[in-house]
């Protein structure tokens, strides 16, 4: 019964729908894999940059400050000229400010690692679900093929 005023809509067969769903799930798992890898690279890079920043910028300033304000035995030098002492105190204030920034930056690293860990957990769960869906789809196809084989084997006996 076709109605000339309304076009007929043909629905895709269940096999096509299942294949589309599995392909969609595979794309989603790939996106999770890329996002998880990117999160780990970001977290590792951030941690490495914190260490490099400390070694390149802060440690030399601390060593220089120590060298300027200490005598040869490492004790505070009381005979440092006032100009040098004022410059060293100003440099120390700037260093303390930078160290405060470094401390705040160091607090971000565990958060990035936590987010990367959560992303990894979600990725594992998504990929597990995708594998189970794939297995379920494959088993359904095998079941249909077995039904067809059983139906053909119980058909009329072959004539010789």
N, C-alpha and C. Protein backbone atom coordinates (compact mmCIF):
# COMPACT_ATOMS: atom_id res chain seq x y z
N UNK A 1 0.85 -1.18 0.00
CA UNK A 1 0.00 0.00 0.00
C UNK A 1 0.88 1.23 0.00
N UNK A 2 1.12 1.73 -1.18
CA UNK A 2 1.92 2.94 -1.24
C UNK A 2 0.99 4.12 -1.44
N UNK A 3 1.28 5.17 -0.77
CA UNK A 3 0.51 6.39 -0.85
C UNK A 3 1.26 7.35 -1.75
N UNK A 4 0.68 7.77 -2.88
CA UNK A 4 1.42 8.62 -3.82
C UNK A 4 1.75 9.99 -3.22
N UNK A 5 1.01 10.45 -2.25
CA UNK A 5 1.28 11.77 -1.66
C UNK A 5 2.43 11.74 -0.67
N UNK A 6 2.75 10.59 -0.14
CA UNK A 6 3.81 10.47 0.86
C UNK A 6 4.89 9.54 0.34
N UNK A 7 6.12 10.02 0.32
CA UNK A 7 7.19 9.13 -0.15
C UNK A 7 7.43 8.03 0.88
N UNK A 8 7.80 6.89 0.39
CA UNK A 8 8.09 5.78 1.29
C UNK A 8 9.52 5.91 1.80
N UNK A 9 9.66 5.61 3.06
CA UNK A 9 10.97 5.67 3.68
C UNK A 9 11.44 4.25 3.91
N UNK A 10 12.60 3.96 3.37
CA UNK A 10 13.13 2.62 3.57
C UNK A 10 14.16 2.69 4.69
N UNK A 11 13.97 1.87 5.68
CA UNK A 11 14.90 1.82 6.79
C UNK A 11 16.05 0.89 6.43
N UNK A 12 17.25 1.26 6.87
CA UNK A 12 18.37 0.36 6.58
C UNK A 12 18.21 -0.95 7.36
N UNK A 13 18.82 -1.99 6.83
CA UNK A 13 18.69 -3.28 7.49
C UNK A 13 19.46 -3.27 8.81
N UNK A 14 19.15 -4.17 9.71
CA UNK A 14 19.79 -4.19 11.02
C UNK A 14 21.31 -4.37 10.96
N UNK A 15 21.78 -5.07 9.95
CA UNK A 15 23.22 -5.26 9.82
C UNK A 15 23.92 -3.93 9.58
N UNK A 16 23.35 -3.11 8.72
CA UNK A 16 23.93 -1.80 8.43
C UNK A 16 23.88 -0.91 9.67
N UNK A 17 22.78 -0.95 10.39
CA UNK A 17 22.68 -0.15 11.61
C UNK A 17 23.72 -0.60 12.64
N UNK A 18 23.88 -1.90 12.78
CA UNK A 18 24.87 -2.41 13.73
C UNK A 18 26.28 -2.00 13.31
N UNK A 19 26.57 -2.08 12.01
CA UNK A 19 27.90 -1.68 11.53
C UNK A 19 28.14 -0.20 11.77
N UNK A 20 27.12 0.62 11.54
CA UNK A 20 27.27 2.06 11.80
C UNK A 20 27.51 2.34 13.28
N UNK A 21 26.78 1.64 14.13
CA UNK A 21 26.95 1.84 15.58
C UNK A 21 28.35 1.44 16.02
N UNK A 22 28.85 0.32 15.50
CA UNK A 22 30.20 -0.11 15.85
C UNK A 22 31.26 0.85 15.33
N UNK A 23 31.07 1.36 14.12
CA UNK A 23 32.02 2.33 13.57
C UNK A 23 32.02 3.61 14.41
N UNK A 24 30.84 4.03 14.82
CA UNK A 24 30.73 5.22 15.67
C UNK A 24 31.46 5.00 17.00
N UNK A 25 31.28 3.82 17.57
CA UNK A 25 31.94 3.51 18.84
C UNK A 25 33.45 3.45 18.67
N UNK A 26 33.92 2.93 17.55
CA UNK A 26 35.36 2.89 17.29
C UNK A 26 35.94 4.30 17.16
N UNK A 27 35.19 5.18 16.49
CA UNK A 27 35.66 6.58 16.39
C UNK A 27 35.72 7.23 17.76
N UNK A 28 34.73 6.95 18.60
CA UNK A 28 34.71 7.52 19.95
C UNK A 28 35.90 7.03 20.76
N UNK A 29 36.21 5.75 20.64
CA UNK A 29 37.36 5.20 21.37
C UNK A 29 38.66 5.83 20.85
N UNK A 30 38.77 6.01 19.54
CA UNK A 30 39.96 6.68 19.00
C UNK A 30 40.11 8.10 19.54
N UNK A 31 38.98 8.82 19.63
CA UNK A 31 39.04 10.18 20.19
C UNK A 31 39.49 10.16 21.64
N UNK A 32 38.98 9.20 22.42
CA UNK A 32 39.41 9.07 23.81
C UNK A 32 40.90 8.74 23.89
N UNK A 33 41.38 7.90 23.01
CA UNK A 33 42.80 7.55 23.01
C UNK A 33 43.67 8.77 22.73
N UNK A 34 43.28 9.56 21.74
CA UNK A 34 44.03 10.77 21.41
C UNK A 34 43.97 11.77 22.56
N UNK A 35 42.79 11.95 23.14
CA UNK A 35 42.65 12.89 24.26
C UNK A 35 43.47 12.44 25.46
N UNK A 36 43.47 11.15 25.75
CA UNK A 36 44.25 10.64 26.88
C UNK A 36 45.74 10.82 26.64
N UNK A 37 46.19 10.49 25.45
CA UNK A 37 47.61 10.68 25.14
C UNK A 37 48.00 12.15 25.23
N UNK A 38 47.14 13.02 24.74
CA UNK A 38 47.42 14.46 24.81
C UNK A 38 47.48 14.93 26.26
N UNK A 39 46.59 14.43 27.11
CA UNK A 39 46.62 14.82 28.52
C UNK A 39 47.92 14.37 29.20
N UNK A 40 48.37 13.15 28.89
CA UNK A 40 49.61 12.68 29.50
C UNK A 40 50.82 13.47 28.98
N UNK A 41 50.82 13.78 27.70
CA UNK A 41 51.92 14.59 27.16
C UNK A 41 51.92 15.97 27.80
N UNK A 42 50.75 16.56 27.95
CA UNK A 42 50.64 17.87 28.60
C UNK A 42 51.14 17.81 30.04
N UNK A 43 50.71 16.81 30.79
CA UNK A 43 51.12 16.70 32.20
C UNK A 43 52.63 16.48 32.31
N UNK A 44 53.17 15.59 31.49
CA UNK A 44 54.61 15.32 31.55
C UNK A 44 55.42 16.54 31.12
N UNK A 45 54.96 17.23 30.09
CA UNK A 45 55.66 18.44 29.63
C UNK A 45 55.63 19.51 30.70
N UNK A 46 54.49 19.66 31.35
CA UNK A 46 54.37 20.67 32.39
C UNK A 46 55.32 20.37 33.55
N UNK A 47 55.40 19.12 33.96
CA UNK A 47 56.31 18.74 35.04
C UNK A 47 57.76 18.97 34.62
N UNK A 48 58.10 18.59 33.40
CA UNK A 48 59.46 18.79 32.91
C UNK A 48 59.81 20.27 32.83
N UNK A 49 58.86 21.08 32.37
CA UNK A 49 59.12 22.52 32.30
C UNK A 49 59.30 23.14 33.67
N UNK A 50 58.60 22.63 34.68
CA UNK A 50 58.81 23.12 36.04
C UNK A 50 60.23 22.84 36.51
N UNK A 51 60.71 21.65 36.25
CA UNK A 51 62.07 21.29 36.66
C UNK A 51 63.09 22.13 35.90
N UNK A 52 62.92 22.23 34.59
CA UNK A 52 63.85 23.03 33.78
C UNK A 52 63.81 24.50 34.22
N UNK A 53 62.60 25.01 34.46
CA UNK A 53 62.49 26.40 34.92
C UNK A 53 63.23 26.63 36.22
N UNK A 54 63.12 25.67 37.13
CA UNK A 54 63.84 25.82 38.39
C UNK A 54 65.34 25.78 38.17
N UNK A 55 65.81 24.81 37.40
CA UNK A 55 67.26 24.66 37.20
C UNK A 55 67.86 25.80 36.38
N UNK A 56 67.11 26.34 35.45
CA UNK A 56 67.66 27.39 34.58
C UNK A 56 67.52 28.78 35.20
N UNK A 57 66.37 29.05 35.81
CA UNK A 57 66.12 30.41 36.27
C UNK A 57 66.34 30.62 37.76
N UNK A 58 65.90 29.70 38.58
CA UNK A 58 65.92 29.95 40.01
C UNK A 58 67.20 29.51 40.70
N UNK A 59 67.67 28.34 40.39
CA UNK A 59 68.87 27.85 41.07
C UNK A 59 70.08 28.76 40.85
N UNK A 60 70.35 29.22 39.62
CA UNK A 60 71.49 30.13 39.46
C UNK A 60 71.34 31.43 40.27
N UNK A 61 70.13 31.92 40.40
CA UNK A 61 69.92 33.14 41.20
C UNK A 61 70.18 32.87 42.68
N UNK A 62 69.75 31.72 43.14
CA UNK A 62 69.99 31.38 44.54
C UNK A 62 71.50 31.24 44.79
N UNK A 63 72.18 30.56 43.87
CA UNK A 63 73.62 30.38 44.01
C UNK A 63 74.35 31.72 43.97
N UNK A 64 73.95 32.59 43.08
CA UNK A 64 74.58 33.91 42.99
C UNK A 64 74.31 34.72 44.25
N UNK A 65 73.11 34.69 44.74
CA UNK A 65 72.76 35.40 45.97
C UNK A 65 73.60 34.88 47.13
N UNK A 66 73.75 33.59 47.21
CA UNK A 66 74.54 32.98 48.27
C UNK A 66 76.00 33.39 48.14
N UNK A 67 76.49 33.41 46.90
CA UNK A 67 77.89 33.76 46.67
C UNK A 67 78.17 35.21 47.01
N UNK A 68 77.25 36.11 46.67
CA UNK A 68 77.46 37.54 46.92
C UNK A 68 77.41 37.86 48.40
N UNK A 69 76.51 37.24 49.12
CA UNK A 69 76.30 37.61 50.52
C UNK A 69 77.04 36.72 51.51
N UNK A 70 77.88 35.80 51.04
CA UNK A 70 78.59 34.90 51.95
C UNK A 70 80.09 35.06 51.77
N UNK A 71 80.83 34.74 52.84
CA UNK A 71 82.28 34.73 52.72
C UNK A 71 82.73 33.38 52.19
N UNK A 72 84.04 33.14 52.16
CA UNK A 72 84.56 31.92 51.57
C UNK A 72 84.18 30.67 52.35
N UNK A 73 83.77 30.80 53.60
CA UNK A 73 83.36 29.65 54.40
C UNK A 73 81.85 29.40 54.34
N UNK A 74 81.11 30.24 53.64
CA UNK A 74 79.68 30.06 53.51
C UNK A 74 78.86 30.77 54.57
N UNK A 75 79.53 31.55 55.44
CA UNK A 75 78.80 32.29 56.47
C UNK A 75 78.39 33.65 55.92
N UNK A 76 77.35 34.26 56.49
CA UNK A 76 76.96 35.60 56.02
C UNK A 76 78.12 36.57 56.17
N UNK A 77 78.38 37.31 55.10
CA UNK A 77 79.51 38.25 55.08
C UNK A 77 79.03 39.60 55.60
N UNK A 78 79.61 40.04 56.71
CA UNK A 78 79.20 41.31 57.30
C UNK A 78 79.90 42.49 56.64
N UNK A 79 80.91 42.23 55.84
CA UNK A 79 81.69 43.30 55.22
C UNK A 79 81.26 43.60 53.78
N UNK A 80 80.05 43.22 53.41
CA UNK A 80 79.55 43.49 52.07
C UNK A 80 79.16 44.96 52.00
N UNK A 81 79.51 45.60 50.91
CA UNK A 81 79.19 47.01 50.73
C UNK A 81 77.67 47.20 50.72
N UNK A 82 77.19 48.35 51.22
CA UNK A 82 75.74 48.59 51.30
C UNK A 82 75.04 48.54 49.94
N UNK A 83 75.70 49.04 48.89
CA UNK A 83 75.07 49.01 47.56
C UNK A 83 74.83 47.56 47.11
N UNK A 84 75.86 46.75 47.31
CA UNK A 84 75.75 45.35 46.91
C UNK A 84 74.69 44.66 47.76
N UNK A 85 74.65 44.97 49.06
CA UNK A 85 73.66 44.36 49.94
C UNK A 85 72.25 44.76 49.51
N UNK A 86 72.03 46.03 49.16
CA UNK A 86 70.70 46.49 48.73
C UNK A 86 70.29 45.81 47.42
N UNK A 87 71.25 45.68 46.50
CA UNK A 87 70.96 45.00 45.25
C UNK A 87 70.62 43.53 45.50
N UNK A 88 71.36 42.94 46.43
CA UNK A 88 71.11 41.53 46.74
C UNK A 88 69.75 41.36 47.42
N UNK A 89 69.38 42.29 48.28
CA UNK A 89 68.09 42.21 48.95
C UNK A 89 66.96 42.39 47.93
N UNK A 90 67.13 43.32 46.99
CA UNK A 90 66.13 43.52 45.94
C UNK A 90 66.04 42.27 45.06
N UNK A 91 67.18 41.69 44.74
CA UNK A 91 67.18 40.47 43.93
C UNK A 91 66.52 39.32 44.70
N UNK A 92 66.75 39.28 46.02
CA UNK A 92 66.13 38.23 46.83
C UNK A 92 64.61 38.39 46.87
N UNK A 93 64.14 39.61 46.96
CA UNK A 93 62.68 39.84 46.93
C UNK A 93 62.08 39.36 45.61
N UNK A 94 62.77 39.68 44.52
CA UNK A 94 62.31 39.23 43.21
C UNK A 94 62.35 37.71 43.12
N UNK A 95 63.40 37.12 43.67
CA UNK A 95 63.51 35.67 43.68
C UNK A 95 62.39 35.03 44.49
N UNK A 96 62.07 35.60 45.64
CA UNK A 96 60.98 35.07 46.46
C UNK A 96 59.66 35.15 45.70
N UNK A 97 59.46 36.23 44.97
CA UNK A 97 58.24 36.36 44.18
C UNK A 97 58.19 35.28 43.09
N UNK A 98 59.31 35.05 42.41
CA UNK A 98 59.36 34.00 41.40
C UNK A 98 59.17 32.61 42.01
N UNK A 99 59.73 32.41 43.19
CA UNK A 99 59.55 31.12 43.86
C UNK A 99 58.09 30.90 44.24
N UNK A 100 57.39 31.97 44.59
CA UNK A 100 55.95 31.84 44.87
C UNK A 100 55.21 31.41 43.61
N UNK A 101 55.58 32.00 42.46
CA UNK A 101 54.98 31.57 41.20
C UNK A 101 55.30 30.11 40.90
N UNK A 102 56.54 29.70 41.17
CA UNK A 102 56.93 28.32 40.95
C UNK A 102 56.13 27.38 41.85
N UNK A 103 55.92 27.79 43.09
CA UNK A 103 55.12 26.96 43.99
C UNK A 103 53.69 26.81 43.48
N UNK A 104 53.11 27.90 43.03
CA UNK A 104 51.76 27.81 42.46
C UNK A 104 51.74 26.93 41.21
N UNK A 105 52.77 27.07 40.39
CA UNK A 105 52.86 26.24 39.19
C UNK A 105 53.03 24.77 39.56
N UNK A 106 53.73 24.49 40.64
CA UNK A 106 53.91 23.11 41.08
C UNK A 106 52.62 22.51 41.61
N UNK A 107 51.71 23.34 42.06
CA UNK A 107 50.42 22.83 42.53
C UNK A 107 49.52 22.41 41.37
N UNK A 108 49.78 22.93 40.19
CA UNK A 108 48.97 22.60 39.02
C UNK A 108 49.34 21.21 38.49
N UNK A 109 50.59 20.83 38.63
CA UNK A 109 51.06 19.54 38.08
C UNK A 109 50.26 18.35 38.62
N UNK A 110 50.03 18.24 39.93
CA UNK A 110 49.22 17.10 40.39
C UNK A 110 47.81 17.11 39.81
N UNK A 111 47.26 18.28 39.61
CA UNK A 111 45.92 18.35 39.01
C UNK A 111 45.93 17.84 37.58
N UNK A 112 46.96 18.21 36.83
CA UNK A 112 47.08 17.70 35.46
C UNK A 112 47.25 16.18 35.45
N UNK A 113 48.04 15.68 36.38
CA UNK A 113 48.22 14.23 36.46
C UNK A 113 46.91 13.54 36.85
N UNK A 114 46.14 14.15 37.73
CA UNK A 114 44.85 13.59 38.11
C UNK A 114 43.90 13.55 36.91
N UNK A 115 43.84 14.64 36.15
CA UNK A 115 42.97 14.69 34.98
C UNK A 115 43.42 13.65 33.95
N UNK A 116 44.73 13.50 33.76
CA UNK A 116 45.23 12.49 32.83
C UNK A 116 44.87 11.08 33.30
N UNK A 117 44.96 10.85 34.60
CA UNK A 117 44.58 9.55 35.14
C UNK A 117 43.10 9.26 34.96
N UNK A 118 42.26 10.25 35.19
CA UNK A 118 40.82 10.09 34.98
C UNK A 118 40.54 9.83 33.50
N UNK A 119 41.23 10.57 32.63
CA UNK A 119 41.07 10.34 31.19
C UNK A 119 41.46 8.92 30.78
N UNK A 120 42.53 8.41 31.39
CA UNK A 120 42.95 7.04 31.09
C UNK A 120 41.90 6.04 31.55
N UNK A 121 41.35 6.27 32.73
CA UNK A 121 40.31 5.37 33.23
C UNK A 121 39.10 5.37 32.31
N UNK A 122 38.67 6.54 31.90
CA UNK A 122 37.53 6.63 30.99
C UNK A 122 37.83 5.98 29.64
N UNK A 123 39.05 6.15 29.17
CA UNK A 123 39.45 5.53 27.91
C UNK A 123 39.38 4.01 28.02
N UNK A 124 39.88 3.46 29.11
CA UNK A 124 39.85 2.01 29.29
C UNK A 124 38.41 1.51 29.34
N UNK A 125 37.56 2.23 30.06
CA UNK A 125 36.16 1.82 30.14
C UNK A 125 35.47 1.91 28.79
N UNK A 126 35.72 2.98 28.04
CA UNK A 126 35.11 3.12 26.71
C UNK A 126 35.59 2.03 25.76
N UNK A 127 36.89 1.76 25.78
CA UNK A 127 37.40 0.75 24.86
C UNK A 127 36.90 -0.64 25.25
N UNK A 128 36.75 -0.89 26.53
CA UNK A 128 36.19 -2.17 26.99
C UNK A 128 34.75 -2.31 26.49
N UNK A 129 33.99 -1.25 26.62
CA UNK A 129 32.60 -1.27 26.15
C UNK A 129 32.55 -1.50 24.64
N UNK A 130 33.47 -0.86 23.91
CA UNK A 130 33.48 -1.02 22.46
C UNK A 130 33.84 -2.46 22.07
N UNK A 131 34.77 -3.05 22.79
CA UNK A 131 35.14 -4.45 22.49
C UNK A 131 33.96 -5.37 22.78
N UNK A 132 33.29 -5.14 23.90
CA UNK A 132 32.12 -5.98 24.22
C UNK A 132 31.01 -5.81 23.19
N UNK A 133 30.80 -4.58 22.72
CA UNK A 133 29.80 -4.36 21.67
C UNK A 133 30.19 -5.07 20.38
N UNK A 134 31.48 -5.02 20.06
CA UNK A 134 31.97 -5.70 18.86
C UNK A 134 31.75 -7.20 18.98
N UNK A 135 32.06 -7.76 20.12
CA UNK A 135 31.85 -9.20 20.33
C UNK A 135 30.38 -9.55 20.23
N UNK A 136 29.54 -8.72 20.84
CA UNK A 136 28.10 -8.97 20.78
C UNK A 136 27.59 -8.93 19.34
N UNK A 137 28.05 -7.96 18.57
CA UNK A 137 27.65 -7.88 17.16
C UNK A 137 28.12 -9.07 16.37
N UNK A 138 29.37 -9.49 16.61
CA UNK A 138 29.89 -10.66 15.90
C UNK A 138 29.13 -11.93 16.26
N UNK A 139 28.81 -12.08 17.54
CA UNK A 139 28.03 -13.25 17.96
C UNK A 139 26.63 -13.24 17.35
N UNK A 140 26.02 -12.07 17.25
CA UNK A 140 24.70 -11.98 16.63
C UNK A 140 24.78 -12.38 15.16
N UNK A 141 25.82 -11.93 14.45
CA UNK A 141 25.99 -12.32 13.05
C UNK A 141 26.19 -13.83 12.91
N UNK A 142 27.02 -14.39 13.79
CA UNK A 142 27.23 -15.84 13.75
C UNK A 142 25.92 -16.59 14.02
N UNK A 143 25.12 -16.09 14.96
CA UNK A 143 23.84 -16.72 15.25
C UNK A 143 22.92 -16.70 14.04
N UNK A 144 22.89 -15.58 13.34
CA UNK A 144 22.05 -15.49 12.14
C UNK A 144 22.55 -16.45 11.06
N UNK A 145 23.88 -16.52 10.90
CA UNK A 145 24.43 -17.44 9.91
C UNK A 145 24.12 -18.89 10.26
N UNK A 146 24.18 -19.21 11.55
CA UNK A 146 23.83 -20.58 11.97
C UNK A 146 22.36 -20.87 11.71
N UNK A 147 21.51 -19.89 11.96
CA UNK A 147 20.09 -20.09 11.68
C UNK A 147 19.85 -20.37 10.21
N UNK A 148 20.54 -19.64 9.35
CA UNK A 148 20.41 -19.85 7.90
C UNK A 148 20.92 -21.24 7.53
N UNK A 149 22.05 -21.64 8.07
CA UNK A 149 22.61 -22.96 7.77
C UNK A 149 21.68 -24.08 8.26
N UNK A 150 21.13 -23.92 9.45
CA UNK A 150 20.22 -24.92 9.98
C UNK A 150 18.96 -24.99 9.13
N UNK A 151 18.44 -23.84 8.71
CA UNK A 151 17.24 -23.81 7.88
C UNK A 151 17.51 -24.50 6.54
N UNK A 152 18.69 -24.29 5.96
CA UNK A 152 19.01 -24.94 4.67
C UNK A 152 19.28 -26.44 4.85
N UNK A 153 19.82 -26.82 5.99
CA UNK A 153 20.12 -28.25 6.18
C UNK A 153 18.85 -29.06 6.43
N UNK A 154 17.80 -28.44 6.92
CA UNK A 154 16.54 -29.16 7.14
C UNK A 154 15.56 -29.01 5.98
N UNK A 155 16.02 -28.49 4.91
CA UNK A 155 15.18 -28.33 3.71
C UNK A 155 14.92 -29.67 3.06
N UNK A 156 14.40 -29.68 1.83
CA UNK A 156 14.11 -30.95 1.15
C UNK A 156 15.40 -31.70 0.89
N UNK A 157 15.36 -33.01 1.00
CA UNK A 157 16.58 -33.80 0.78
C UNK A 157 17.02 -33.68 -0.67
N UNK A 158 18.30 -33.71 -0.86
CA UNK A 158 18.80 -33.63 -2.24
C UNK A 158 18.41 -34.87 -3.05
N UNK A 159 18.09 -34.65 -4.29
CA UNK A 159 17.71 -35.77 -5.17
C UNK A 159 18.95 -36.25 -5.88
N UNK A 160 19.05 -37.57 -5.97
CA UNK A 160 20.24 -38.12 -6.61
C UNK A 160 19.96 -38.65 -7.98
